[in-house]
């Protein structure tokens, strides 16, 4: 049984931990903890569905940007069945990207749909 994370801040932190987890089994467990079974994810560069789709996307991002880590930027906010949080992606102190994600919560408190917006991308990556 999945236990819902209780606050928008805790949910955002656990979600970013999944993006930072390099061990595929631990990553899969984190994804299952914070995302519903049929969750979807979309941003300007990708669109995936389900745990396997998101795990594959995360693995691909980690392979492309070795050593890059996501960190929470600011304070996550939530109301009704939505949360919004911002993040920074950096490697060795160099900022690669920043973005804001808006997510719909499933009835069990996990994320059901995540829409990512890129607020900044390092010009060298474009």
C-alpha atoms as a PDB file:
ATOM      1  CA  UNK A   1       0.000   0.000   0.000  1.00  0.00           C
ATOM      2  CA  UNK A   2       1.305   3.428  -0.963  1.00  0.00           C
ATOM      3  CA  UNK A   3       1.319   6.056   1.742  1.00  0.00           C
ATOM      4  CA  UNK A   4       0.764   9.570   0.431  1.00  0.00           C
ATOM      5  CA  UNK A   5       3.340  12.243   1.182  1.00  0.00           C
ATOM      6  CA  UNK A   6       1.637  14.839   3.338  1.00  0.00           C
ATOM      7  CA  UNK A   7       2.718  18.313   2.156  1.00  0.00           C
ATOM      8  CA  UNK A   8       3.539  19.917  -1.202  1.00  0.00           C
ATOM      9  CA  UNK A   9       7.093  20.510   0.038  1.00  0.00           C
ATOM     10  CA  UNK A  10       7.621  16.890   1.049  1.00  0.00           C
ATOM     11  CA  UNK A  11       6.146  15.649  -2.216  1.00  0.00           C
ATOM     12  CA  UNK A  12       8.368  17.966  -4.300  1.00  0.00           C
ATOM     13  CA  UNK A  13      11.477  16.898  -2.358  1.00  0.00           C
ATOM     14  CA  UNK A  14      10.705  13.183  -2.827  1.00  0.00           C
ATOM     15  CA  UNK A  15       9.954  13.747  -6.525  1.00  0.00           C
ATOM     16  CA  UNK A  16      13.317  15.470  -7.069  1.00  0.00           C
ATOM     17  CA  UNK A  17      15.024  12.683  -5.101  1.00  0.00           C
ATOM     18  CA  UNK A  18      13.685  10.277  -7.731  1.00  0.00           C
ATOM     19  CA  UNK A  19      15.262  12.428 -10.457  1.00  0.00           C
ATOM     20  CA  UNK A  20      18.575  12.385  -8.557  1.00  0.00           C
ATOM     21  CA  UNK A  21      18.616   8.661  -7.749  1.00  0.00           C
ATOM     22  CA  UNK A  22      21.205   6.817  -9.847  1.00  0.00           C
ATOM     23  CA  UNK A  23      20.353   3.295  -8.672  1.00  0.00           C
ATOM     24  CA  UNK A  24      17.561   2.030 -10.963  1.00  0.00           C
ATOM     25  CA  UNK A  25      15.829  -0.060  -8.264  1.00  0.00           C
ATOM     26  CA  UNK A  26      15.804   2.748  -5.696  1.00  0.00           C
ATOM     27  CA  UNK A  27      14.693   5.188  -8.408  1.00  0.00           C
ATOM     28  CA  UNK A  28      11.800   2.913  -9.364  1.00  0.00           C
ATOM     29  CA  UNK A  29      10.739   2.708  -5.696  1.00  0.00           C
ATOM     30  CA  UNK A  30      10.814   6.507  -5.330  1.00  0.00           C
ATOM     31  CA  UNK A  31       8.853   6.965  -8.547  1.00  0.00           C
ATOM     32  CA  UNK A  32       6.222   4.493  -7.297  1.00  0.00           C
ATOM     33  CA  UNK A  33       6.065   6.332  -3.987  1.00  0.00           C
ATOM     34  CA  UNK A  34       5.386   9.776  -5.469  1.00  0.00           C
ATOM     35  CA  UNK A  35       3.617   9.070  -8.783  1.00  0.00           C
ATOM     36  CA  UNK A  36       0.382   7.217  -9.459  1.00  0.00           C
ATOM     37  CA  UNK A  37       0.607   4.048 -11.545  1.00  0.00           C
ATOM     38  CA  UNK A  38      -0.738   5.785 -14.649  1.00  0.00           C
ATOM     39  CA  UNK A  39       1.040   9.116 -14.097  1.00  0.00           C
ATOM     40  CA  UNK A  40       2.043  11.275 -17.044  1.00  0.00           C
ATOM     41  CA  UNK A  41       4.921  13.706 -17.458  1.00  0.00           C
ATOM     42  CA  UNK A  42       5.358  16.351 -20.157  1.00  0.00           C
ATOM     43  CA  UNK A  43       7.830  19.181 -20.690  1.00  0.00           C
ATOM     44  CA  UNK A  44       9.072  20.994 -23.828  1.00  0.00           C
ATOM     45  CA  UNK A  45      11.554  18.160 -24.518  1.00  0.00           C
ATOM     46  CA  UNK A  46       9.761  14.984 -23.461  1.00  0.00           C
ATOM     47  CA  UNK A  47       6.428  13.269 -22.929  1.00  0.00           C
ATOM     48  CA  UNK A  48       6.142   9.952 -21.076  1.00  0.00           C
ATOM     49  CA  UNK A  49       3.569   7.919 -19.166  1.00  0.00           C
ATOM     50  CA  UNK A  50       3.739   5.419 -16.326  1.00  0.00           C
ATOM     51  CA  UNK A  51       6.520   4.509 -13.960  1.00  0.00           C
ATOM     52  CA  UNK A  52       8.638   2.799 -16.611  1.00  0.00           C
ATOM     53  CA  UNK A  53       8.409   5.786 -18.945  1.00  0.00           C
ATOM     54  CA  UNK A  54       9.487   8.216 -16.255  1.00  0.00           C
ATOM     55  CA  UNK A  55      12.282   5.941 -15.009  1.00  0.00           C
ATOM     56  CA  UNK A  56      13.616   5.664 -18.578  1.00  0.00           C
ATOM     57  CA  UNK A  57      13.456   9.449 -19.012  1.00  0.00           C
ATOM     58  CA  UNK A  58      15.327  10.021 -15.747  1.00  0.00           C
ATOM     59  CA  UNK A  59      17.970   7.443 -16.688  1.00  0.00           C
ATOM     60  CA  UNK A  60      18.457   9.115 -20.069  1.00  0.00           C
ATOM     61  CA  UNK A  61      18.812  12.545 -18.465  1.00  0.00           C
ATOM     62  CA  UNK A  62      21.392  11.187 -16.026  1.00  0.00           C
ATOM     63  CA  UNK A  63      23.366   9.578 -18.856  1.00  0.00           C
ATOM     64  CA  UNK A  64      23.368  12.824 -20.856  1.00  0.00           C
ATOM     65  CA  UNK A  65      24.233  15.075 -17.892  1.00  0.00           C
ATOM     66  CA  UNK A  66      26.471  12.899 -15.722  1.00  0.00           C
ATOM     67  CA  UNK A  67      26.685  14.182 -12.168  1.00  0.00           C
ATOM     68  CA  UNK A  68      23.864  16.700 -12.571  1.00  0.00           C
ATOM     69  CA  UNK A  69      21.578  17.101  -9.556  1.00  0.00           C
ATOM     70  CA  UNK A  70      18.179  18.687  -9.073  1.00  0.00           C
ATOM     71  CA  UNK A  71      17.533  20.902  -6.068  1.00  0.00           C
ATOM     72  CA  UNK A  72      14.385  22.608  -4.897  1.00  0.00           C
ATOM     73  CA  UNK A  73      14.246  26.355  -5.572  1.00  0.00           C
ATOM     74  CA  UNK A  74      11.930  28.350  -3.333  1.00  0.00           C
ATOM     75  CA  UNK A  75       8.940  27.003  -1.471  1.00  0.00           C
ATOM     76  CA  UNK A  76       6.458  24.610  -3.110  1.00  0.00           C
ATOM     77  CA  UNK A  77       2.843  25.721  -3.073  1.00  0.00           C
ATOM     78  CA  UNK A  78      -0.339  23.739  -3.218  1.00  0.00           C
ATOM     79  CA  UNK A  79      -4.067  24.191  -3.272  1.00  0.00           C
ATOM     80  CA  UNK A  80      -6.961  21.891  -4.026  1.00  0.00           C
ATOM     81  CA  UNK A  81      -5.502  19.065  -6.095  1.00  0.00           C
ATOM     82  CA  UNK A  82      -2.522  20.992  -7.556  1.00  0.00           C
ATOM     83  CA  UNK A  83       1.043  21.747  -6.527  1.00  0.00           C
ATOM     84  CA  UNK A  84       3.682  24.016  -8.045  1.00  0.00           C
ATOM     85  CA  UNK A  85       7.400  23.967  -7.352  1.00  0.00           C
ATOM     86  CA  UNK A  86      10.583  25.247  -8.928  1.00  0.00           C
ATOM     87  CA  UNK A  87      13.918  23.530  -9.263  1.00  0.00           C
ATOM     88  CA  UNK A  88      17.493  24.017 -10.400  1.00  0.00           C
ATOM     89  CA  UNK A  89      19.617  21.459 -12.268  1.00  0.00           C
ATOM     90  CA  UNK A  90      23.361  21.884 -11.754  1.00  0.00           C
ATOM     91  CA  UNK A  91      26.569  19.916 -12.109  1.00  0.00           C
ATOM     92  CA  UNK A  92      29.711  20.816 -10.166  1.00  0.00           C
ATOM     93  CA  UNK A  93      28.136  24.146  -9.158  1.00  0.00           C
ATOM     94  CA  UNK A  94      27.326  25.116 -12.765  1.00  0.00           C
ATOM     95  CA  UNK A  95      23.641  25.775 -13.387  1.00  0.00           C
ATOM     96  CA  UNK A  96      22.389  23.862 -16.435  1.00  0.00           C
ATOM     97  CA  UNK A  97      18.676  24.631 -16.182  1.00  0.00           C
ATOM     98  CA  UNK A  98      15.902  25.940 -13.978  1.00  0.00           C
ATOM     99  CA  UNK A  99      12.246  25.183 -14.240  1.00  0.00           C
ATOM    100  CA  UNK A 100       8.843  25.133 -12.670  1.00  0.00           C
ATOM    101  CA  UNK A 101       6.616  22.070 -12.495  1.00  0.00           C
ATOM    102  CA  UNK A 102       2.875  22.073 -11.974  1.00  0.00           C
ATOM    103  CA  UNK A 103       1.312  18.798 -10.918  1.00  0.00           C
ATOM    104  CA  UNK A 104      -2.139  17.336 -10.486  1.00  0.00           C
ATOM    105  CA  UNK A 105      -2.612  15.120  -7.449  1.00  0.00           C
ATOM    106  CA  UNK A 106      -4.265  11.720  -7.692  1.00  0.00           C
ATOM    107  CA  UNK A 107      -6.950  10.845  -5.104  1.00  0.00           C
ATOM    108  CA  UNK A 108      -4.310   8.878  -3.124  1.00  0.00           C
ATOM    109  CA  UNK A 109      -2.083  11.980  -2.788  1.00  0.00           C
ATOM    110  CA  UNK A 110       0.552  10.961  -5.318  1.00  0.00           C
ATOM    111  CA  UNK A 111       1.291  12.932  -8.479  1.00  0.00           C
ATOM    112  CA  UNK A 112      -0.976  12.011 -11.380  1.00  0.00           C
ATOM    113  CA  UNK A 113       0.201  14.438 -14.061  1.00  0.00           C
ATOM    114  CA  UNK A 114       3.310  16.633 -14.077  1.00  0.00           C
ATOM    115  CA  UNK A 115       3.796  19.487 -16.528  1.00  0.00           C
ATOM    116  CA  UNK A 116       7.306  20.947 -16.586  1.00  0.00           C
ATOM    117  CA  UNK A 117       8.242  24.418 -17.781  1.00  0.00           C
ATOM    118  CA  UNK A 118      11.833  25.420 -18.494  1.00  0.00           C
ATOM    119  CA  UNK A 119      12.559  28.853 -17.050  1.00  0.00           C
ATOM    120  CA  UNK A 120      16.273  28.837 -17.992  1.00  0.00           C
ATOM    121  CA  UNK A 121      18.529  26.589 -20.074  1.00  0.00           C
ATOM    122  CA  UNK A 122      22.280  27.137 -20.292  1.00  0.00           C
ATOM    123  CA  UNK A 123      22.956  28.595 -23.762  1.00  0.00           C
ATOM    124  CA  UNK A 124      25.659  25.966 -24.299  1.00  0.00           C
ATOM    125  CA  UNK A 125      23.024  23.223 -24.157  1.00  0.00           C
ATOM    126  CA  UNK A 126      20.726  24.686 -26.799  1.00  0.00           C
END
